Amino acid sequence: MNEAMRPTERFSDRAGVYTRGRPTYPDALVAHLRSEGALPDGAVVVDIGVGTGLSAEPFLRAGCSVVGVEPNAAMRAVGDERLGATGRYRSVDGRAEATTLASGCAQLVIAGQAFHWFDPERAGAEARRLLAPGGWAALMWNDRPATGTPFLEGYEALLKTYGIDYEKVSHRHVDEDAINRFFAPTRPAVAHFDNPRSLDRDELAALVGSASYMPPPGHPRHAEMSAALSRLFAAHAIDGRVAVHYRTRMHYGQLT
């Protein structure tokens, strides 16, 4: 396999735009986990596939300590720089199936957007090992609707036109069977949270640039794609911005 296409290396050339381009996660999901009893005061959260730390941020804001597990050195370095000053964040070089962390070190294990790269059964076993008795897990996605507005429909068409392996990667995001295998024999609950974004032209370009399936600078189709993106933005922007109506989906449960 081409090194750039390996799951752990796909984002090495995207780390710089990832934080600006990708959506954050709403504080409401942390409040929901607390109300369910999944997040006691002073909890330690292990964030697997933490990337640049977007999924860790709401837990840090809530006063938790977060250990990020990330195999990609470039992404991990960005997260360390962004979040290290909190004093409650650290990262390790590890994978979902082998995190390198001590058994029973956490009250909650989470993954945001990264789960489709995991081996569900092995990652589930590792999560159970990491959790103290009674611990929980939560898998989170920021789902972008492909329809609903002319901009969203045009954006989806652009991804399909220029994406290198968009269809393959996008379908892996909604693998309910893999989610159930991770939690088995527990059956996870599901919660949804509104997470709208308003993007200017540069932020939209960063969103596209953060996607591992889109042609990077230097790719034969990158210039053509960038021109198409500019036309799409110009056609639909209002006051210099376009709306992307994300909805955050969280599958969560206590692991036995």
Protein backbone atom coordinates (compact mmCIF):
# COMPACT_ATOMS: atom_id res chain seq x y z
CA MET A 1 0.00 0.00 0.00
CA ASN A 2 1.23 3.50 -0.79
CA GLU A 3 2.51 5.01 2.46
CA ALA A 4 0.28 8.07 2.08
CA MET A 5 -2.80 5.85 1.85
CA ARG A 6 -2.09 3.91 5.06
CA PRO A 7 -4.73 4.78 7.68
CA THR A 8 -2.11 6.08 10.11
CA GLU A 9 -0.39 8.26 7.49
CA ARG A 10 -3.29 9.59 5.39
CA PHE A 11 -3.39 12.88 7.30
CA SER A 12 0.33 13.61 7.58
CA ASP A 13 0.12 16.31 4.90
CA ARG A 14 -3.23 17.63 6.21
CA ALA A 15 -2.40 18.39 9.86
CA GLY A 16 -1.90 22.09 9.22
CA VAL A 17 -5.43 22.63 7.85
CA TYR A 18 -7.24 19.98 9.85
CA THR A 19 -7.98 22.09 12.93
CA ARG A 20 -9.26 25.06 10.94
CA GLY A 21 -11.26 23.01 8.49
CA ARG A 22 -12.94 20.37 10.62
CA PRO A 23 -15.96 21.02 12.85
CA THR A 24 -15.59 21.03 16.62
CA TYR A 25 -17.84 19.10 18.99
CA PRO A 26 -20.60 20.73 21.06
CA ASP A 27 -20.41 21.06 24.84
CA ALA A 28 -23.92 19.58 24.97
CA LEU A 29 -22.58 16.07 24.44
CA VAL A 30 -20.43 16.37 27.58
CA ALA A 31 -23.43 17.59 29.57
CA HIS A 32 -25.43 14.64 28.24
CA LEU A 33 -22.79 12.12 29.28
CA ARG A 34 -22.67 13.68 32.74
CA SER A 35 -26.43 13.42 33.08
CA GLU A 36 -26.21 9.73 32.15
CA GLY A 37 -23.60 9.08 34.85
CA ALA A 38 -20.82 8.41 32.35
CA LEU A 39 -18.55 11.29 33.34
CA PRO A 40 -17.87 11.75 37.08
CA ASP A 41 -16.11 14.85 38.37
CA GLY A 42 -12.38 14.73 37.73
CA ALA A 43 -12.77 11.97 35.14
CA VAL A 44 -9.88 10.83 32.98
CA VAL A 45 -10.92 10.52 29.34
CA VAL A 46 -8.93 8.53 26.78
CA ASP A 47 -9.51 9.91 23.28
CA ILE A 48 -8.51 7.32 20.68
CA GLY A 49 -7.56 8.68 17.28
CA VAL A 50 -7.45 12.16 18.82
CA GLY A 51 -5.83 13.76 15.76
CA THR A 52 -5.27 17.46 16.45
CA GLY A 53 -7.50 17.38 19.53
CA LEU A 54 -10.86 18.67 18.31
CA SER A 55 -12.75 15.85 20.05
CA ALA A 56 -10.82 16.41 23.29
CA GLU A 57 -11.68 20.10 23.56
CA PRO A 58 -15.21 19.93 25.08
CA PHE A 59 -13.97 17.50 27.75
CA LEU A 60 -11.06 19.76 28.63
CA ARG A 61 -13.45 22.72 28.86
CA ALA A 62 -15.52 20.67 31.31
CA GLY A 63 -12.51 20.12 33.59
CA CYS A 64 -11.64 16.56 32.61
CA SER A 65 -8.13 15.26 32.04
CA VAL A 66 -7.65 13.84 28.54
CA VAL A 67 -5.07 11.40 27.21
CA GLY A 68 -5.01 11.48 23.42
CA VAL A 69 -3.96 8.36 21.52
CA GLU A 70 -2.74 9.16 18.00
CA PRO A 71 -0.44 7.19 15.64
CA ASN A 72 0.21 10.07 13.24
CA ALA A 73 3.15 12.16 14.46
CA ALA A 74 2.20 15.32 12.53
CA MET A 75 -1.35 15.33 13.87
CA ARG A 76 -0.18 14.51 17.38
CA ALA A 77 2.29 17.42 17.36
CA VAL A 78 -0.44 19.90 16.40
CA GLY A 79 -2.65 18.64 19.22
CA ASP A 80 0.16 18.87 21.75
CA GLU A 81 0.88 22.46 20.73
CA ARG A 82 -2.77 23.47 20.86
CA LEU A 83 -3.83 21.74 24.07
CA GLY A 84 -0.70 21.14 26.12
CA ALA A 85 -0.98 24.49 27.91
CA THR A 86 -4.18 23.33 29.66
CA GLY A 87 -2.08 21.12 31.93
CA ARG A 88 -4.73 18.41 31.62
CA TYR A 89 -3.84 17.06 28.20
CA ARG A 90 -1.14 14.71 27.06
CA SER A 91 -0.79 12.41 24.07
CA VAL A 92 0.82 9.07 23.32
CA ASP A 93 1.86 7.32 20.13
CA GLY A 94 -0.57 4.40 19.98
CA ARG A 95 -3.43 2.77 18.11
CA ALA A 96 -7.00 1.89 18.97
CA GLU A 97 -6.06 -1.77 19.29
CA ALA A 98 -2.84 -1.13 21.27
CA THR A 99 -2.86 2.23 23.06
CA THR A 100 0.24 1.62 25.30
CA LEU A 101 -1.75 2.97 28.29
CA ALA A 102 -2.17 1.29 31.67
CA SER A 103 -5.19 -0.87 32.48
CA GLY A 104 -7.99 0.81 34.40
CA CYS A 105 -6.66 4.32 33.74
CA ALA A 106 -9.88 5.98 32.54
CA GLN A 107 -13.54 6.49 33.32
CA LEU A 108 -14.49 7.19 29.69
CA VAL A 109 -13.04 6.13 26.33
CA ILE A 110 -14.07 8.21 23.30
CA ALA A 111 -13.39 8.38 19.57
CA GLY A 112 -14.43 11.22 17.29
CA GLN A 113 -14.57 10.60 13.51
CA ALA A 114 -11.68 8.10 13.70
CA PHE A 115 -13.62 4.94 14.48
CA HIS A 116 -13.95 3.78 10.87
CA TRP A 117 -10.18 3.09 10.85
CA PHE A 118 -10.42 0.75 13.89
CA ASP A 119 -10.73 -3.01 14.14
CA PRO A 120 -14.02 -2.99 16.11
CA GLU A 121 -13.55 -6.12 18.22
CA ARG A 122 -9.91 -5.47 19.09
CA ALA A 123 -10.57 -1.79 19.79
CA GLY A 124 -13.51 -2.72 21.99
CA ALA A 125 -11.34 -5.15 23.96
CA GLU A 126 -8.67 -2.46 24.40
CA ALA A 127 -11.28 0.05 25.58
CA ARG A 128 -12.50 -2.41 28.21
CA ARG A 129 -8.93 -2.90 29.40
CA LEU A 130 -8.42 0.86 29.75
CA LEU A 131 -11.61 1.48 31.71
CA ALA A 132 -11.95 1.36 35.45
CA PRO A 133 -14.90 -0.75 36.67
CA GLY A 134 -18.18 0.78 35.52
CA GLY A 135 -16.52 2.78 32.73
CA TRP A 136 -18.22 4.02 29.57
CA ALA A 137 -17.38 4.55 25.92
CA ALA A 138 -18.66 7.07 23.39
CA LEU A 139 -18.18 7.19 19.61
CA MET A 140 -18.89 10.56 17.99
CA TRP A 141 -19.41 11.77 14.44
CA ASN A 142 -20.13 15.18 12.97
CA ASP A 143 -22.57 14.20 10.22
CA ARG A 144 -22.86 16.56 7.27
CA PRO A 145 -26.12 16.30 5.31
CA ALA A 146 -25.59 15.77 1.59
CA THR A 147 -28.90 17.42 0.69
CA GLY A 148 -31.21 20.12 2.00
CA THR A 149 -29.75 23.27 0.44
CA PRO A 150 -28.31 24.00 -3.01
CA PHE A 151 -24.88 24.57 -1.44
CA LEU A 152 -24.87 21.23 0.40
CA GLU A 153 -25.94 19.40 -2.75
CA GLY A 154 -23.28 21.15 -4.79
CA TYR A 155 -20.64 20.40 -2.18
CA GLU A 156 -21.52 16.71 -2.16
CA ALA A 157 -21.30 16.65 -5.94
CA LEU A 158 -17.84 18.26 -5.76
CA LEU A 159 -16.62 15.59 -3.32
CA LYS A 160 -17.88 12.82 -5.58
CA THR A 161 -16.33 14.42 -8.66
CA TYR A 162 -12.86 15.04 -7.25
CA GLY A 163 -12.58 12.63 -4.33
CA ILE A 164 -9.84 10.04 -4.74
CA ASP A 165 -11.68 7.36 -2.73
CA TYR A 166 -14.57 9.37 -1.30
CA GLU A 167 -17.29 6.76 -1.74
CA LYS A 168 -15.25 4.09 0.04
CA VAL A 169 -14.34 6.28 3.00
CA SER A 170 -17.77 7.92 3.37
CA HIS A 171 -19.58 4.59 3.48
CA ARG A 172 -17.33 3.38 6.28
CA HIS A 173 -18.57 6.25 8.46
CA VAL A 174 -22.04 4.73 8.83
CA ASP A 175 -21.16 1.10 9.59
CA GLU A 176 -23.70 0.33 12.33
CA ASP A 177 -22.56 -3.28 12.47
CA ALA A 178 -19.01 -2.23 13.35
CA ILE A 179 -20.34 0.10 16.08
CA ASN A 180 -22.37 -2.74 17.59
CA ARG A 181 -19.38 -5.08 17.47
CA PHE A 182 -17.30 -2.53 19.38
CA PHE A 183 -19.90 -2.30 22.18
CA ALA A 184 -21.02 -5.95 22.20
CA PRO A 185 -22.64 -7.40 24.22
CA THR A 186 -23.76 -3.92 25.36
CA ARG A 187 -26.25 -2.21 23.07
CA PRO A 188 -25.28 1.46 22.80
CA ALA A 189 -27.69 4.36 23.13
CA VAL A 190 -27.67 7.15 20.53
CA ALA A 191 -27.96 10.92 21.05
CA HIS A 192 -27.91 13.77 18.53
CA PHE A 193 -26.87 17.40 18.91
CA ASP A 194 -27.14 20.33 16.52
CA ASN A 195 -23.73 21.63 15.47
CA PRO A 196 -24.10 24.30 12.74
CA ARG A 197 -21.13 26.02 11.11
CA SER A 198 -20.73 29.19 9.07
CA LEU A 199 -17.65 29.15 6.83
CA ASP A 200 -15.81 31.81 4.87
CA ARG A 201 -13.93 30.94 1.68
CA ASP A 202 -10.66 30.07 3.43
CA GLU A 203 -12.40 27.95 6.06
CA LEU A 204 -14.26 26.04 3.35
CA ALA A 205 -10.99 25.45 1.50
CA ALA A 206 -9.45 24.19 4.75
CA LEU A 207 -12.39 21.80 5.23
CA VAL A 208 -11.80 20.33 1.78
CA GLY A 209 -8.05 20.28 2.32
CA SER A 210 -8.43 18.37 5.59
CA ALA A 211 -10.14 15.43 3.86
CA SER A 212 -7.73 12.59 3.15
CA TYR A 213 -9.74 11.56 0.06
CA MET A 214 -9.42 14.94 -1.69
CA PRO A 215 -6.50 15.75 -4.03
CA PRO A 216 -3.75 17.64 -2.16
CA PRO A 217 -1.62 20.46 -3.59
CA GLY A 218 0.53 19.07 -6.35
CA HIS A 219 -2.05 16.49 -7.40
CA PRO A 220 -3.01 16.72 -11.11
CA ARG A 221 -6.63 17.59 -10.23
CA HIS A 222 -6.01 19.96 -7.33
CA ALA A 223 -6.14 23.19 -9.36
CA GLU A 224 -9.31 22.10 -11.15
CA MET A 225 -10.92 21.16 -7.85
CA SER A 226 -9.96 24.49 -6.24
CA ALA A 227 -11.51 26.40 -9.14
CA ALA A 228 -14.72 24.40 -8.85
CA LEU A 229 -14.82 25.07 -5.10
CA SER A 230 -14.43 28.80 -5.70
CA ARG A 231 -17.33 28.78 -8.15
CA LEU A 232 -19.49 26.84 -5.70
CA PHE A 233 -18.73 29.28 -2.89
CA ALA A 234 -19.38 32.34 -5.07
CA ALA A 235 -22.73 30.95 -6.19
CA HIS A 236 -24.07 30.31 -2.69
CA ALA A 237 -22.29 32.56 -0.17
CA ILE A 238 -24.37 35.10 1.74
CA ASP A 239 -22.38 37.95 3.26
CA GLY A 240 -19.20 36.04 2.49
CA ARG A 241 -20.15 32.79 4.23
CA VAL A 242 -21.87 29.46 3.57
CA ALA A 243 -23.81 27.38 6.10
CA VAL A 244 -23.06 23.74 6.83
CA HIS A 245 -25.65 22.22 9.15
CA TYR A 246 -23.73 19.49 10.94
CA ARG A 247 -25.48 17.22 13.41
CA THR A 248 -23.29 15.48 15.97
CA ARG A 249 -24.20 11.82 16.51
CA MET A 250 -22.99 9.98 19.61
CA HIS A 251 -23.23 6.23 20.28
CA TYR A 252 -22.49 5.57 23.94
CA GLY A 253 -22.83 2.99 26.65
CA GLN A 254 -21.28 1.34 29.66
CA LEU A 255 -18.81 -1.36 28.68
CA THR A 256 -19.11 -4.62 30.57
